[in-house]
Amino acid sequence: MAWTKLRQRSSVCKVKGGRSMAVASTVVLFVLGSAIGHVGPRIPTLFMTRAKGFNVRFPPHPEPIELSPYLTQRVLHMRTFYWLSFVLAGVVLVFGAASLRWGSAPFGFGLWLASSWTVLSRLQNQLAGRPAPWSHAMAVELQSIMDRPRHHEACCQHARPLWMSPGVRCASCDAVLSRMPRPDLGRPRSDGRIRGTVRLLITDGYPMAEPFPKAKKQEE
C-alpha cells in the first residue's frame, strides 16, 4: 500500500510539473512573438541610419545640428522609414497568421497582437491630429528657415541656425527661429545601443524635450 501511494504521488507531481512547463513555454513563446512584432516594424528607424557612414555630416548625439540640405534630407528619410513600418507590420502579420495555422499558436498570437497594435496606434495618432515624428511639413519649415537670408529676413547679419532639442535657435544672436522640438534623427545614441534602443521603443522617435517658451510681449 505504501509503495502504491508513493507511486501515485510521484505521478501527480510529474503531471503538475509538465503543466507548469507547458504554461512557461507558452508564456515565453507569446512574449517572444510580441517582442518581434513590436520591434520588427521599427527596424528601419532603429538601425538603418545608425552607422558612422550615414552620419559623417552631423555632429555626435545629442549636440545641436546646423541646418543644411543634408538635415532636410535626413528628416525626409526618417519620414519614409516611419511609414515603411506599415509594410513591415504587414509582413509580420503574414508570418503571425502562418504561425497560428501551421506553427506555434502563442508565438503567432504575439506577432499578431504587437504588430496590429503598432498599426492601430499610428493610425489613431494620424486621425487624432498628432503628426508623425518626422513629416513633410517639418522639412519644409527647416528649409524655409534656411531660405530667410535670401529674402532679407535673417535674424542677424551672420545667422547660423542650429536645431536644438527644444527648437531652432541662432548661434550668433541667440534668437529663437522655431519652437519645433527636435525628434530622433537617426544618429548613434550617446546613451548606448541598448539604452538608446529601449528609449526609442518607448518614445517611438518623438521629441522628449519641451519646446522653447513663447516670448512674453512687453506691456505698453
N, C-alpha and C. Protein backbone atom coordinates (compact mmCIF):
# COMPACT_ATOMS: atom_id res chain seq x y z
N MET A 1 0.83 -1.21 0.00
CA MET A 1 0.00 0.00 0.00
C MET A 1 0.87 1.27 0.00
N ALA A 2 1.88 1.28 0.82
CA ALA A 2 2.76 2.45 0.90
C ALA A 2 3.45 2.71 -0.44
N TRP A 3 3.88 1.61 -1.08
CA TRP A 3 4.56 1.76 -2.38
C TRP A 3 3.61 2.30 -3.45
N THR A 4 2.35 1.87 -3.39
CA THR A 4 1.33 2.34 -4.34
C THR A 4 1.06 3.83 -4.15
N LYS A 5 0.94 4.28 -2.91
CA LYS A 5 0.69 5.70 -2.63
C LYS A 5 1.87 6.56 -3.08
N LEU A 6 3.09 6.03 -2.88
CA LEU A 6 4.26 6.78 -3.30
C LEU A 6 4.31 6.95 -4.81
N ARG A 7 3.94 5.89 -5.54
CA ARG A 7 3.91 5.99 -7.00
C ARG A 7 2.83 6.96 -7.47
N GLN A 8 1.68 6.97 -6.78
CA GLN A 8 0.61 7.90 -7.15
C GLN A 8 1.04 9.35 -6.94
N ARG A 9 1.73 9.59 -5.81
CA ARG A 9 2.19 10.94 -5.54
C ARG A 9 3.23 11.40 -6.56
N SER A 10 4.14 10.53 -6.94
CA SER A 10 5.15 10.88 -7.93
C SER A 10 4.53 11.16 -9.29
N SER A 11 3.50 10.39 -9.64
CA SER A 11 2.83 10.63 -10.92
C SER A 11 2.09 11.96 -10.92
N VAL A 12 1.48 12.31 -9.77
CA VAL A 12 0.79 13.60 -9.66
C VAL A 12 1.79 14.75 -9.79
N CYS A 13 2.96 14.61 -9.16
CA CYS A 13 4.00 15.64 -9.24
C CYS A 13 4.49 15.80 -10.67
N LYS A 14 4.62 14.69 -11.39
CA LYS A 14 5.05 14.75 -12.78
C LYS A 14 4.04 15.48 -13.63
N VAL A 15 2.74 15.22 -13.39
CA VAL A 15 1.69 15.89 -14.15
C VAL A 15 1.71 17.39 -13.89
N LYS A 16 1.85 17.77 -12.60
CA LYS A 16 1.90 19.20 -12.28
C LYS A 16 3.13 19.86 -12.88
N GLY A 17 4.27 19.16 -12.80
CA GLY A 17 5.48 19.71 -13.40
C GLY A 17 5.37 19.87 -14.91
N GLY A 18 4.72 18.91 -15.56
CA GLY A 18 4.53 19.01 -17.00
C GLY A 18 3.62 20.18 -17.37
N ARG A 19 2.57 20.39 -16.55
CA ARG A 19 1.67 21.51 -16.80
C ARG A 19 2.40 22.84 -16.61
N SER A 20 3.22 22.93 -15.57
CA SER A 20 3.97 24.16 -15.33
C SER A 20 4.92 24.46 -16.47
N MET A 21 5.58 23.42 -16.98
CA MET A 21 6.49 23.62 -18.10
C MET A 21 5.73 24.05 -19.35
N ALA A 22 4.55 23.49 -19.56
CA ALA A 22 3.75 23.87 -20.72
C ALA A 22 3.31 25.32 -20.63
N VAL A 23 2.88 25.75 -19.44
CA VAL A 23 2.47 27.14 -19.25
C VAL A 23 3.66 28.08 -19.45
N ALA A 24 4.82 27.70 -18.89
CA ALA A 24 6.00 28.54 -19.03
C ALA A 24 6.43 28.67 -20.49
N SER A 25 6.41 27.57 -21.22
CA SER A 25 6.79 27.62 -22.64
C SER A 25 5.81 28.45 -23.45
N THR A 26 4.52 28.38 -23.10
CA THR A 26 3.51 29.19 -23.79
C THR A 26 3.76 30.67 -23.56
N VAL A 27 4.05 31.02 -22.31
CA VAL A 27 4.31 32.43 -21.99
C VAL A 27 5.56 32.93 -22.70
N VAL A 28 6.60 32.11 -22.70
CA VAL A 28 7.85 32.50 -23.36
C VAL A 28 7.64 32.72 -24.85
N LEU A 29 6.92 31.82 -25.50
CA LEU A 29 6.66 31.97 -26.94
C LEU A 29 5.81 33.20 -27.22
N PHE A 30 4.83 33.47 -26.37
CA PHE A 30 3.99 34.65 -26.57
C PHE A 30 4.81 35.94 -26.40
N VAL A 31 5.64 36.00 -25.37
CA VAL A 31 6.47 37.19 -25.14
C VAL A 31 7.46 37.38 -26.29
N LEU A 32 8.05 36.28 -26.76
CA LEU A 32 8.99 36.36 -27.88
C LEU A 32 8.30 36.88 -29.13
N GLY A 33 7.12 36.35 -29.43
CA GLY A 33 6.37 36.83 -30.59
C GLY A 33 5.98 38.29 -30.45
N SER A 34 5.59 38.71 -29.24
CA SER A 34 5.22 40.11 -29.03
C SER A 34 6.42 41.03 -29.21
N ALA A 35 7.59 40.58 -28.72
CA ALA A 35 8.80 41.41 -28.88
C ALA A 35 9.17 41.57 -30.34
N ILE A 36 9.12 40.47 -31.10
CA ILE A 36 9.44 40.55 -32.53
C ILE A 36 8.41 41.40 -33.27
N GLY A 37 7.14 41.24 -32.91
CA GLY A 37 6.09 42.02 -33.55
C GLY A 37 6.17 43.50 -33.23
N HIS A 38 6.75 43.85 -32.07
CA HIS A 38 6.89 45.26 -31.70
C HIS A 38 8.13 45.88 -32.32
N VAL A 39 9.24 45.14 -32.36
CA VAL A 39 10.49 45.69 -32.87
C VAL A 39 10.55 45.61 -34.40
N GLY A 40 9.99 44.55 -34.98
CA GLY A 40 10.09 44.33 -36.42
C GLY A 40 9.69 45.52 -37.28
N PRO A 41 8.49 46.10 -37.08
CA PRO A 41 8.11 47.25 -37.92
C PRO A 41 8.98 48.48 -37.70
N ARG A 42 9.70 48.55 -36.59
CA ARG A 42 10.52 49.73 -36.27
C ARG A 42 11.99 49.55 -36.63
N ILE A 43 12.35 48.46 -37.26
CA ILE A 43 13.76 48.20 -37.58
C ILE A 43 14.39 49.32 -38.42
N PRO A 44 13.72 49.87 -39.44
CA PRO A 44 14.37 50.94 -40.22
C PRO A 44 14.74 52.16 -39.39
N THR A 45 13.84 52.63 -38.53
CA THR A 45 14.15 53.82 -37.72
C THR A 45 15.10 53.51 -36.57
N LEU A 46 15.20 52.26 -36.20
CA LEU A 46 16.06 51.90 -35.07
C LEU A 46 17.51 51.68 -35.50
N PHE A 47 17.72 51.13 -36.70
CA PHE A 47 19.07 50.67 -37.03
C PHE A 47 19.62 51.17 -38.37
N MET A 48 18.79 51.53 -39.34
CA MET A 48 19.27 51.73 -40.70
C MET A 48 20.19 52.94 -40.85
N THR A 49 20.05 53.96 -40.01
CA THR A 49 20.87 55.17 -40.17
C THR A 49 21.86 55.36 -39.02
N ARG A 50 22.08 54.32 -38.21
CA ARG A 50 22.95 54.48 -37.03
C ARG A 50 24.43 54.29 -37.35
N ALA A 51 24.77 53.79 -38.52
CA ALA A 51 26.17 53.55 -38.86
C ALA A 51 26.90 54.89 -39.04
N LYS A 52 28.21 54.86 -38.84
CA LYS A 52 29.01 56.08 -38.93
C LYS A 52 28.98 56.67 -40.33
N GLY A 53 28.90 55.82 -41.35
CA GLY A 53 28.90 56.33 -42.72
C GLY A 53 27.69 57.18 -43.05
N PHE A 54 26.59 57.00 -42.33
CA PHE A 54 25.38 57.78 -42.57
C PHE A 54 25.39 59.10 -41.79
N ASN A 55 26.37 59.32 -40.94
CA ASN A 55 26.33 60.48 -40.04
C ASN A 55 27.62 61.30 -40.06
N VAL A 56 28.39 61.21 -41.14
CA VAL A 56 29.65 61.95 -41.21
C VAL A 56 29.41 63.46 -41.30
N ARG A 57 28.25 63.88 -41.74
CA ARG A 57 27.95 65.30 -41.87
C ARG A 57 27.20 65.87 -40.68
N PHE A 58 27.00 65.06 -39.65
CA PHE A 58 26.27 65.51 -38.47
C PHE A 58 27.16 65.40 -37.24
N PRO A 59 26.99 66.30 -36.28
CA PRO A 59 27.74 66.19 -35.03
C PRO A 59 27.22 65.03 -34.19
N PRO A 60 27.99 64.59 -33.21
CA PRO A 60 27.54 63.46 -32.38
C PRO A 60 26.27 63.83 -31.59
N HIS A 61 25.51 62.81 -31.29
CA HIS A 61 24.32 62.97 -30.45
C HIS A 61 24.75 63.26 -29.02
N PRO A 62 24.11 64.17 -28.30
CA PRO A 62 22.91 64.95 -28.65
C PRO A 62 23.20 66.40 -28.99
N GLU A 63 24.34 66.71 -29.60
CA GLU A 63 24.71 68.09 -29.91
C GLU A 63 23.74 68.69 -30.93
N PRO A 64 23.57 70.01 -30.91
CA PRO A 64 22.70 70.66 -31.91
C PRO A 64 23.23 70.45 -33.32
N ILE A 65 22.32 70.47 -34.27
CA ILE A 65 22.67 70.25 -35.68
C ILE A 65 22.41 71.53 -36.46
N GLU A 66 23.41 71.92 -37.22
CA GLU A 66 23.24 73.10 -38.06
C GLU A 66 22.34 72.77 -39.24
N LEU A 67 21.44 73.69 -39.57
CA LEU A 67 20.51 73.46 -40.67
C LEU A 67 21.26 73.41 -41.99
N SER A 68 20.93 72.41 -42.79
CA SER A 68 21.58 72.20 -44.07
C SER A 68 20.67 71.32 -44.93
N PRO A 69 20.94 71.24 -46.24
CA PRO A 69 20.16 70.32 -47.08
C PRO A 69 20.29 68.87 -46.63
N TYR A 70 21.43 68.50 -46.03
CA TYR A 70 21.59 67.14 -45.55
C TYR A 70 20.64 66.85 -44.38
N LEU A 71 20.42 67.85 -43.54
CA LEU A 71 19.47 67.67 -42.44
C LEU A 71 18.05 67.52 -42.96
N THR A 72 17.68 68.34 -43.93
CA THR A 72 16.35 68.21 -44.53
C THR A 72 16.17 66.84 -45.17
N GLN A 73 17.21 66.37 -45.83
CA GLN A 73 17.16 65.04 -46.44
C GLN A 73 17.01 63.96 -45.38
N ARG A 74 17.70 64.12 -44.25
CA ARG A 74 17.60 63.12 -43.19
C ARG A 74 16.17 63.07 -42.62
N VAL A 75 15.55 64.21 -42.47
CA VAL A 75 14.16 64.24 -41.99
C VAL A 75 13.25 63.49 -42.96
N LEU A 76 13.43 63.71 -44.24
CA LEU A 76 12.60 63.02 -45.23
C LEU A 76 12.88 61.52 -45.24
N HIS A 77 14.14 61.13 -45.02
CA HIS A 77 14.46 59.70 -44.95
C HIS A 77 13.79 59.06 -43.73
N MET A 78 13.86 59.72 -42.59
CA MET A 78 13.23 59.18 -41.38
C MET A 78 11.71 59.11 -41.56
N ARG A 79 11.15 60.07 -42.27
CA ARG A 79 9.71 60.02 -42.57
C ARG A 79 9.37 58.80 -43.41
N THR A 80 10.20 58.52 -44.41
CA THR A 80 9.97 57.34 -45.25
C THR A 80 10.08 56.06 -44.43
N PHE A 81 11.09 55.98 -43.56
CA PHE A 81 11.26 54.80 -42.73
C PHE A 81 10.07 54.62 -41.78
N TYR A 82 9.52 55.74 -41.30
CA TYR A 82 8.39 55.66 -40.39
C TYR A 82 7.17 55.02 -41.06
N TRP A 83 6.87 55.46 -42.27
CA TRP A 83 5.71 54.91 -42.97
C TRP A 83 6.00 53.53 -43.56
N LEU A 84 7.28 53.20 -43.72
CA LEU A 84 7.64 51.85 -44.14
C LEU A 84 7.27 50.82 -43.09
N SER A 85 7.07 51.27 -41.86
CA SER A 85 6.71 50.34 -40.79
C SER A 85 5.37 49.64 -41.06
N PHE A 86 4.48 50.27 -41.82
CA PHE A 86 3.21 49.62 -42.14
C PHE A 86 3.45 48.41 -43.05
N VAL A 87 4.39 48.53 -43.97
CA VAL A 87 4.71 47.40 -44.84
C VAL A 87 5.32 46.26 -44.03
N LEU A 88 6.27 46.61 -43.16
CA LEU A 88 6.90 45.58 -42.33
C LEU A 88 5.91 44.97 -41.36
N ALA A 89 4.99 45.77 -40.85
CA ALA A 89 3.95 45.22 -39.97
C ALA A 89 3.07 44.22 -40.73
N GLY A 90 2.80 44.52 -42.00
CA GLY A 90 2.04 43.57 -42.80
C GLY A 90 2.78 42.26 -42.99
N VAL A 91 4.11 42.32 -43.18
CA VAL A 91 4.90 41.10 -43.29
C VAL A 91 4.85 40.30 -41.99
N VAL A 92 4.96 41.01 -40.86
CA VAL A 92 4.89 40.33 -39.55
C VAL A 92 3.52 39.69 -39.35
N LEU A 93 2.46 40.37 -39.80
CA LEU A 93 1.12 39.80 -39.68
C LEU A 93 0.97 38.52 -40.51
N VAL A 94 1.60 38.50 -41.68
CA VAL A 94 1.54 37.30 -42.51
C VAL A 94 2.24 36.13 -41.80
N PHE A 95 3.42 36.39 -41.25
CA PHE A 95 4.13 35.34 -40.51
C PHE A 95 3.33 34.92 -39.28
N GLY A 96 2.67 35.87 -38.64
CA GLY A 96 1.84 35.51 -37.49
C GLY A 96 0.68 34.62 -37.87
N ALA A 97 0.04 34.93 -39.00
CA ALA A 97 -1.06 34.09 -39.47
C ALA A 97 -0.59 32.69 -39.81
N ALA A 98 0.59 32.61 -40.45
CA ALA A 98 1.13 31.29 -40.78
C ALA A 98 1.47 30.50 -39.52
N SER A 99 2.00 31.20 -38.52
CA SER A 99 2.33 30.51 -37.27
C SER A 99 1.08 30.06 -36.53
N LEU A 100 0.03 30.86 -36.59
CA LEU A 100 -1.23 30.47 -35.94
C LEU A 100 -1.83 29.23 -36.58
N ARG A 101 -1.67 29.10 -37.87
CA ARG A 101 -2.30 27.98 -38.57
C ARG A 101 -1.44 26.73 -38.58
N TRP A 102 -0.14 26.89 -38.83
CA TRP A 102 0.71 25.71 -39.01
C TRP A 102 1.82 25.57 -37.96
N GLY A 103 2.01 26.57 -37.15
CA GLY A 103 3.12 26.53 -36.19
C GLY A 103 2.64 26.66 -34.76
N SER A 104 3.31 27.55 -34.02
CA SER A 104 3.01 27.77 -32.61
C SER A 104 1.95 28.85 -32.48
N ALA A 105 0.83 28.50 -31.87
CA ALA A 105 -0.25 29.47 -31.70
C ALA A 105 0.13 30.63 -30.78
N PRO A 106 0.77 30.40 -29.62
CA PRO A 106 1.16 31.54 -28.77
C PRO A 106 2.13 32.49 -29.46
N PHE A 107 3.11 31.95 -30.18
CA PHE A 107 4.07 32.79 -30.89
C PHE A 107 3.37 33.61 -31.97
N GLY A 108 2.50 32.97 -32.75
CA GLY A 108 1.78 33.69 -33.79
C GLY A 108 0.84 34.74 -33.24
N PHE A 109 0.19 34.42 -32.10
CA PHE A 109 -0.71 35.41 -31.49
C PHE A 109 0.08 36.62 -30.99
N GLY A 110 1.29 36.39 -30.46
CA GLY A 110 2.13 37.51 -30.04
C GLY A 110 2.52 38.40 -31.21
N LEU A 111 2.87 37.79 -32.34
CA LEU A 111 3.18 38.56 -33.54
C LEU A 111 1.99 39.40 -33.98
N TRP A 112 0.83 38.78 -34.02
CA TRP A 112 -0.38 39.48 -34.43
C TRP A 112 -0.70 40.64 -33.50
N LEU A 113 -0.65 40.38 -32.20
CA LEU A 113 -1.06 41.40 -31.22
C LEU A 113 -0.16 42.62 -31.29
N ALA A 114 1.16 42.43 -31.28
CA ALA A 114 2.09 43.56 -31.24
C ALA A 114 2.09 44.34 -32.55
N SER A 115 2.14 43.65 -33.68
CA SER A 115 2.19 44.36 -34.96
C SER A 115 0.89 45.08 -35.27
N SER A 116 -0.25 44.46 -34.95
CA SER A 116 -1.52 45.14 -35.17
C SER A 116 -1.68 46.34 -34.25
N TRP A 117 -1.14 46.25 -33.03
CA TRP A 117 -1.18 47.39 -32.12
C TRP A 117 -0.35 48.55 -32.67
N THR A 118 0.79 48.24 -33.29
CA THR A 118 1.61 49.29 -33.89
C THR A 118 0.85 50.01 -34.99
N VAL A 119 0.19 49.26 -35.86
CA VAL A 119 -0.55 49.87 -36.96
C VAL A 119 -1.71 50.71 -36.43
N LEU A 120 -2.46 50.15 -35.49
CA LEU A 120 -3.64 50.88 -34.96
C LEU A 120 -3.23 52.13 -34.20
N SER A 121 -2.16 52.06 -33.42
CA SER A 121 -1.74 53.23 -32.65
C SER A 121 -1.27 54.36 -33.57
N ARG A 122 -0.57 54.02 -34.63
CA ARG A 122 -0.10 55.06 -35.54
C ARG A 122 -1.23 55.64 -36.37
N LEU A 123 -2.18 54.80 -36.75
CA LEU A 123 -3.36 55.33 -37.44
C LEU A 123 -4.18 56.21 -36.51
N GLN A 124 -4.28 55.82 -35.25
CA GLN A 124 -5.02 56.64 -34.29
C GLN A 124 -4.36 58.00 -34.10
N ASN A 125 -3.03 58.03 -34.07
CA ASN A 125 -2.33 59.31 -33.95
C ASN A 125 -2.63 60.22 -35.13
N GLN A 126 -2.66 59.64 -36.32
CA GLN A 126 -2.95 60.45 -37.50
C GLN A 126 -4.38 60.98 -37.48
N LEU A 127 -5.31 60.11 -37.11
CA LEU A 127 -6.71 60.54 -37.07
C LEU A 127 -6.97 61.54 -35.96
N ALA A 128 -6.20 61.45 -34.88
CA ALA A 128 -6.38 62.37 -33.75
C ALA A 128 -5.67 63.70 -33.98
N GLY A 129 -4.95 63.84 -35.07
CA GLY A 129 -4.28 65.10 -35.38
C GLY A 129 -2.85 65.19 -34.87
N ARG A 130 -2.31 64.11 -34.33
CA ARG A 130 -0.92 64.13 -33.90
C ARG A 130 -0.06 63.64 -35.05
N PRO A 131 0.78 64.51 -35.61
CA PRO A 131 1.56 64.09 -36.78
C PRO A 131 2.65 63.10 -36.41
N ALA A 132 3.25 62.51 -37.41
CA ALA A 132 4.36 61.58 -37.20
C ALA A 132 5.57 62.35 -36.66
N PRO A 133 6.52 61.66 -36.05
CA PRO A 133 7.71 62.36 -35.54
C PRO A 133 8.46 63.12 -36.62
N TRP A 134 8.41 62.62 -37.86
CA TRP A 134 9.06 63.27 -38.99
C TRP A 134 8.00 63.46 -40.07
N SER A 135 7.88 64.66 -40.58
CA SER A 135 6.83 64.95 -41.55
C SER A 135 7.38 65.85 -42.66
N HIS A 136 6.60 65.94 -43.71
CA HIS A 136 6.96 66.82 -44.83
C HIS A 136 6.91 68.27 -44.39
N ALA A 137 5.94 68.61 -43.54
CA ALA A 137 5.84 69.99 -43.05
C ALA A 137 7.07 70.38 -42.23
N MET A 138 7.64 69.42 -41.50
CA MET A 138 8.84 69.68 -40.72
C MET A 138 10.01 70.01 -41.66
N ALA A 139 10.15 69.24 -42.72
CA ALA A 139 11.22 69.51 -43.68
C ALA A 139 11.03 70.86 -44.37
N VAL A 140 9.78 71.21 -44.67
CA VAL A 140 9.50 72.50 -45.31
C VAL A 140 9.85 73.65 -44.38
N GLU A 141 9.53 73.50 -43.10
CA GLU A 141 9.83 74.56 -42.15
C GLU A 141 11.34 74.75 -41.99
N LEU A 142 12.08 73.66 -41.93
CA LEU A 142 13.54 73.77 -41.84
C LEU A 142 14.11 74.46 -43.08
N GLN A 143 13.59 74.11 -44.25
CA GLN A 143 14.07 74.73 -45.48
C GLN A 143 13.71 76.22 -45.52
N SER A 144 12.54 76.57 -45.03
CA SER A 144 12.14 77.99 -45.03
C SER A 144 13.02 78.81 -44.10
N ILE A 145 13.45 78.23 -42.99
CA ILE A 145 14.36 78.95 -42.09
C ILE A 145 15.71 79.18 -42.77
N MET A 146 16.18 78.18 -43.51
CA MET A 146 17.45 78.33 -44.23
C MET A 146 17.35 79.37 -45.34
N ASP A 147 16.15 79.55 -45.92
CA ASP A 147 15.98 80.47 -47.04
C ASP A 147 15.74 81.91 -46.61
N ARG A 148 15.58 82.16 -45.32
CA ARG A 148 15.28 83.53 -44.87
C ARG A 148 16.36 84.53 -45.23
N PRO A 149 17.67 84.20 -45.11
CA PRO A 149 18.67 85.20 -45.52
C PRO A 149 18.58 85.60 -46.98
N ARG A 150 18.11 84.71 -47.85
CA ARG A 150 17.98 85.06 -49.27
C ARG A 150 16.89 86.10 -49.49
N HIS A 151 15.89 86.10 -48.62
CA HIS A 151 14.79 87.06 -48.74
C HIS A 151 14.95 88.22 -47.77
N HIS A 152 16.17 88.42 -47.27
CA HIS A 152 16.47 89.51 -46.35
C HIS A 152 15.59 89.46 -45.10
N GLU A 153 15.36 88.26 -44.62
CA GLU A 153 14.57 88.10 -43.41
C GLU A 153 15.37 87.41 -42.31
N ALA A 154 16.69 87.48 -42.39
CA ALA A 154 17.53 86.82 -41.40
C ALA A 154 17.42 87.53 -40.05
N CYS A 155 17.67 86.78 -39.01
CA CYS A 155 17.58 87.34 -37.66
C CYS A 155 18.75 88.27 -37.35
N CYS A 156 19.90 88.04 -38.00
CA CYS A 156 21.08 88.87 -37.80
C CYS A 156 21.95 88.80 -39.04
N GLN A 157 23.05 89.51 -39.02
CA GLN A 157 23.90 89.58 -40.20
C GLN A 157 24.64 88.26 -40.46
N HIS A 158 24.98 87.56 -39.38
CA HIS A 158 25.70 86.29 -39.51
C HIS A 158 24.83 85.16 -38.91
N ALA A 159 23.70 84.97 -39.51
CA ALA A 159 22.76 83.96 -38.99
C ALA A 159 23.34 82.56 -39.13
N ARG A 160 23.21 81.80 -38.05
CA ARG A 160 23.68 80.40 -38.05
C ARG A 160 22.67 79.57 -37.25
N PRO A 161 21.60 79.16 -37.90
CA PRO A 161 20.56 78.42 -37.17
C PRO A 161 21.00 77.02 -36.79
N LEU A 162 20.74 76.66 -35.55
CA LEU A 162 21.03 75.33 -35.03
C LEU A 162 19.74 74.71 -34.51
N TRP A 163 19.55 73.43 -34.83
CA TRP A 163 18.37 72.71 -34.33
C TRP A 163 18.73 72.05 -33.02
N MET A 164 18.28 72.63 -31.94
CA MET A 164 18.49 72.09 -30.61
C MET A 164 17.30 71.24 -30.21
N SER A 165 17.38 70.63 -29.04
CA SER A 165 16.28 69.76 -28.60
C SER A 165 14.96 70.52 -28.48
N PRO A 166 14.92 71.75 -27.91
CA PRO A 166 13.64 72.46 -27.80
C PRO A 166 13.20 73.18 -29.06
N GLY A 167 14.08 73.36 -30.05
CA GLY A 167 13.72 74.08 -31.25
C GLY A 167 14.94 74.60 -31.97
N VAL A 168 14.70 75.51 -32.94
CA VAL A 168 15.77 76.09 -33.75
C VAL A 168 16.14 77.45 -33.17
N ARG A 169 17.42 77.65 -32.95
CA ARG A 169 17.92 78.90 -32.38
C ARG A 169 19.18 79.31 -33.12
N CYS A 170 19.36 80.62 -33.29
CA CYS A 170 20.54 81.15 -33.96
C CYS A 170 21.72 81.12 -33.00
N ALA A 171 22.83 80.58 -33.48
CA ALA A 171 24.02 80.52 -32.65
C ALA A 171 24.71 81.86 -32.53
N SER A 172 24.40 82.81 -33.42
CA SER A 172 25.07 84.12 -33.40
C SER A 172 24.37 85.11 -32.49
N CYS A 173 23.04 85.24 -32.65
CA CYS A 173 22.30 86.23 -31.86
C CYS A 173 21.38 85.62 -30.83
N ASP A 174 21.33 84.29 -30.75
CA ASP A 174 20.53 83.57 -29.75
C ASP A 174 19.02 83.77 -29.95
N ALA A 175 18.61 84.14 -31.15
CA ALA A 175 17.19 84.32 -31.42
C ALA A 175 16.53 82.97 -31.68
N VAL A 176 15.31 82.81 -31.18
CA VAL A 176 14.54 81.59 -31.41
C VAL A 176 13.86 81.69 -32.77
N LEU A 177 14.24 80.81 -33.67
CA LEU A 177 13.70 80.83 -35.02
C LEU A 177 12.53 79.88 -35.22
N SER A 178 12.42 78.87 -34.37
CA SER A 178 11.32 77.93 -34.45
C SER A 178 11.20 77.22 -33.11
N ARG A 179 9.96 76.98 -32.68
CA ARG A 179 9.69 76.26 -31.44
C ARG A 179 9.38 74.79 -31.72
N MET A 180 9.92 74.28 -32.81
CA MET A 180 9.68 72.89 -33.20
C MET A 180 10.72 71.99 -32.54
N PRO A 181 10.32 71.16 -31.57
CA PRO A 181 11.30 70.29 -30.91
C PRO A 181 11.92 69.30 -31.88
N ARG A 182 13.14 68.90 -31.56
CA ARG A 182 13.89 68.01 -32.45
C ARG A 182 13.62 66.55 -32.12
N PRO A 183 13.12 65.77 -33.07
CA PRO A 183 12.93 64.33 -32.83
C PRO A 183 14.25 63.58 -32.97
N ASP A 184 14.20 62.29 -32.84
CA ASP A 184 15.38 61.48 -33.11
C ASP A 184 15.69 61.56 -34.60
N LEU A 185 16.98 61.74 -34.92
CA LEU A 185 17.38 61.93 -36.32
C LEU A 185 18.27 60.82 -36.83
N GLY A 186 18.25 59.66 -36.17
CA GLY A 186 18.98 58.52 -36.69
C GLY A 186 20.46 58.51 -36.39
N ARG A 187 20.93 59.41 -35.52
CA ARG A 187 22.35 59.39 -35.16
C ARG A 187 22.61 58.32 -34.11
N PRO A 188 23.86 57.83 -34.04
CA PRO A 188 24.19 56.89 -32.95
C PRO A 188 23.96 57.54 -31.60
N ARG A 189 23.25 56.86 -30.73
CA ARG A 189 22.85 57.44 -29.46
C ARG A 189 24.03 57.53 -28.49
N SER A 190 24.08 58.63 -27.74
CA SER A 190 25.14 58.79 -26.75
C SER A 190 24.91 57.95 -25.51
N ASP A 191 23.69 57.48 -25.30
CA ASP A 191 23.38 56.66 -24.13
C ASP A 191 23.57 55.17 -24.38
N GLY A 192 24.20 54.80 -25.50
CA GLY A 192 24.50 53.41 -25.77
C GLY A 192 23.43 52.75 -26.63
N ARG A 193 23.78 51.61 -27.21
CA ARG A 193 22.85 50.94 -28.12
C ARG A 193 21.63 50.39 -27.39
N ILE A 194 21.86 49.73 -26.25
CA ILE A 194 20.74 49.09 -25.56
C ILE A 194 19.81 50.12 -24.97
N ARG A 195 20.35 51.04 -24.17
CA ARG A 195 19.51 52.07 -23.56
C ARG A 195 18.89 52.97 -24.62
N GLY A 196 19.65 53.28 -25.66
CA GLY A 196 19.10 54.12 -26.72
C GLY A 196 17.97 53.43 -27.47
N THR A 197 18.13 52.13 -27.74
CA THR A 197 17.07 51.39 -28.42
C THR A 197 15.82 51.30 -27.57
N VAL A 198 15.99 51.04 -26.28
CA VAL A 198 14.83 50.98 -25.38
C VAL A 198 14.12 52.32 -25.33
N ARG A 199 14.89 53.40 -25.27
CA ARG A 199 14.27 54.73 -25.23
C ARG A 199 13.52 55.03 -26.52
N LEU A 200 14.08 54.62 -27.65
CA LEU A 200 13.39 54.86 -28.92
C LEU A 200 12.13 54.01 -29.03
N LEU A 201 12.16 52.79 -28.48
CA LEU A 201 10.96 51.96 -28.49
C LEU A 201 9.85 52.59 -27.64
N ILE A 202 10.25 53.30 -26.58
CA ILE A 202 9.26 53.94 -25.70
C ILE A 202 8.72 55.21 -26.33
N THR A 203 9.61 56.04 -26.86
CA THR A 203 9.18 57.33 -27.42
C THR A 203 8.73 57.25 -28.86
N ASP A 204 9.11 56.18 -29.57
CA ASP A 204 8.76 55.99 -30.98
C ASP A 204 9.31 57.12 -31.85
N GLY A 205 10.43 57.72 -31.43
CA GLY A 205 11.07 58.76 -32.22
C GLY A 205 10.61 60.17 -31.92
N TYR A 206 9.52 60.33 -31.14
CA TYR A 206 9.02 61.67 -30.84
C TYR A 206 10.00 62.42 -29.94
N PRO A 207 10.04 63.75 -30.03
CA PRO A 207 10.97 64.52 -29.19
C PRO A 207 10.57 64.42 -27.72
N MET A 208 11.59 64.39 -26.87
CA MET A 208 11.37 64.29 -25.43
C MET A 208 11.45 65.65 -24.73
N ALA A 209 12.00 66.65 -25.41
CA ALA A 209 12.16 67.98 -24.81
C ALA A 209 10.94 68.84 -25.08
N GLU A 210 10.67 69.76 -24.16
CA GLU A 210 9.61 70.74 -24.35
C GLU A 210 10.11 71.84 -25.29
N PRO A 211 9.22 72.42 -26.09
CA PRO A 211 9.66 73.50 -26.99
C PRO A 211 10.08 74.74 -26.22
N PHE A 212 10.79 75.61 -26.90
CA PHE A 212 11.18 76.87 -26.28
C PHE A 212 9.94 77.62 -25.80
N PRO A 213 10.02 78.28 -24.66
CA PRO A 213 8.86 79.05 -24.20
C PRO A 213 8.57 80.23 -25.12
N LYS A 214 7.31 80.57 -25.21
CA LYS A 214 6.92 81.70 -26.05
C LYS A 214 7.43 83.00 -25.44
N ALA A 215 7.85 83.89 -26.33
CA ALA A 215 8.36 85.18 -25.86
C ALA A 215 7.20 86.00 -25.30
N LYS A 216 7.42 86.56 -24.12
CA LYS A 216 6.39 87.37 -23.48
C LYS A 216 6.36 88.77 -24.10
N LYS A 217 5.17 89.19 -24.46
CA LYS A 217 5.04 90.53 -25.04
C LYS A 217 5.14 91.58 -23.94
N GLN A 218 5.91 92.62 -24.24
CA GLN A 218 6.06 93.70 -23.26
C GLN A 218 4.78 94.51 -23.15
N GLU A 219 4.43 94.80 -21.93
CA GLU A 219 3.23 95.60 -21.70
C GLU A 219 3.49 97.05 -22.06
N GLU A 220 2.53 97.64 -22.74
CA GLU A 220 2.69 99.04 -23.14
C GLU A 220 2.44 99.96 -21.94
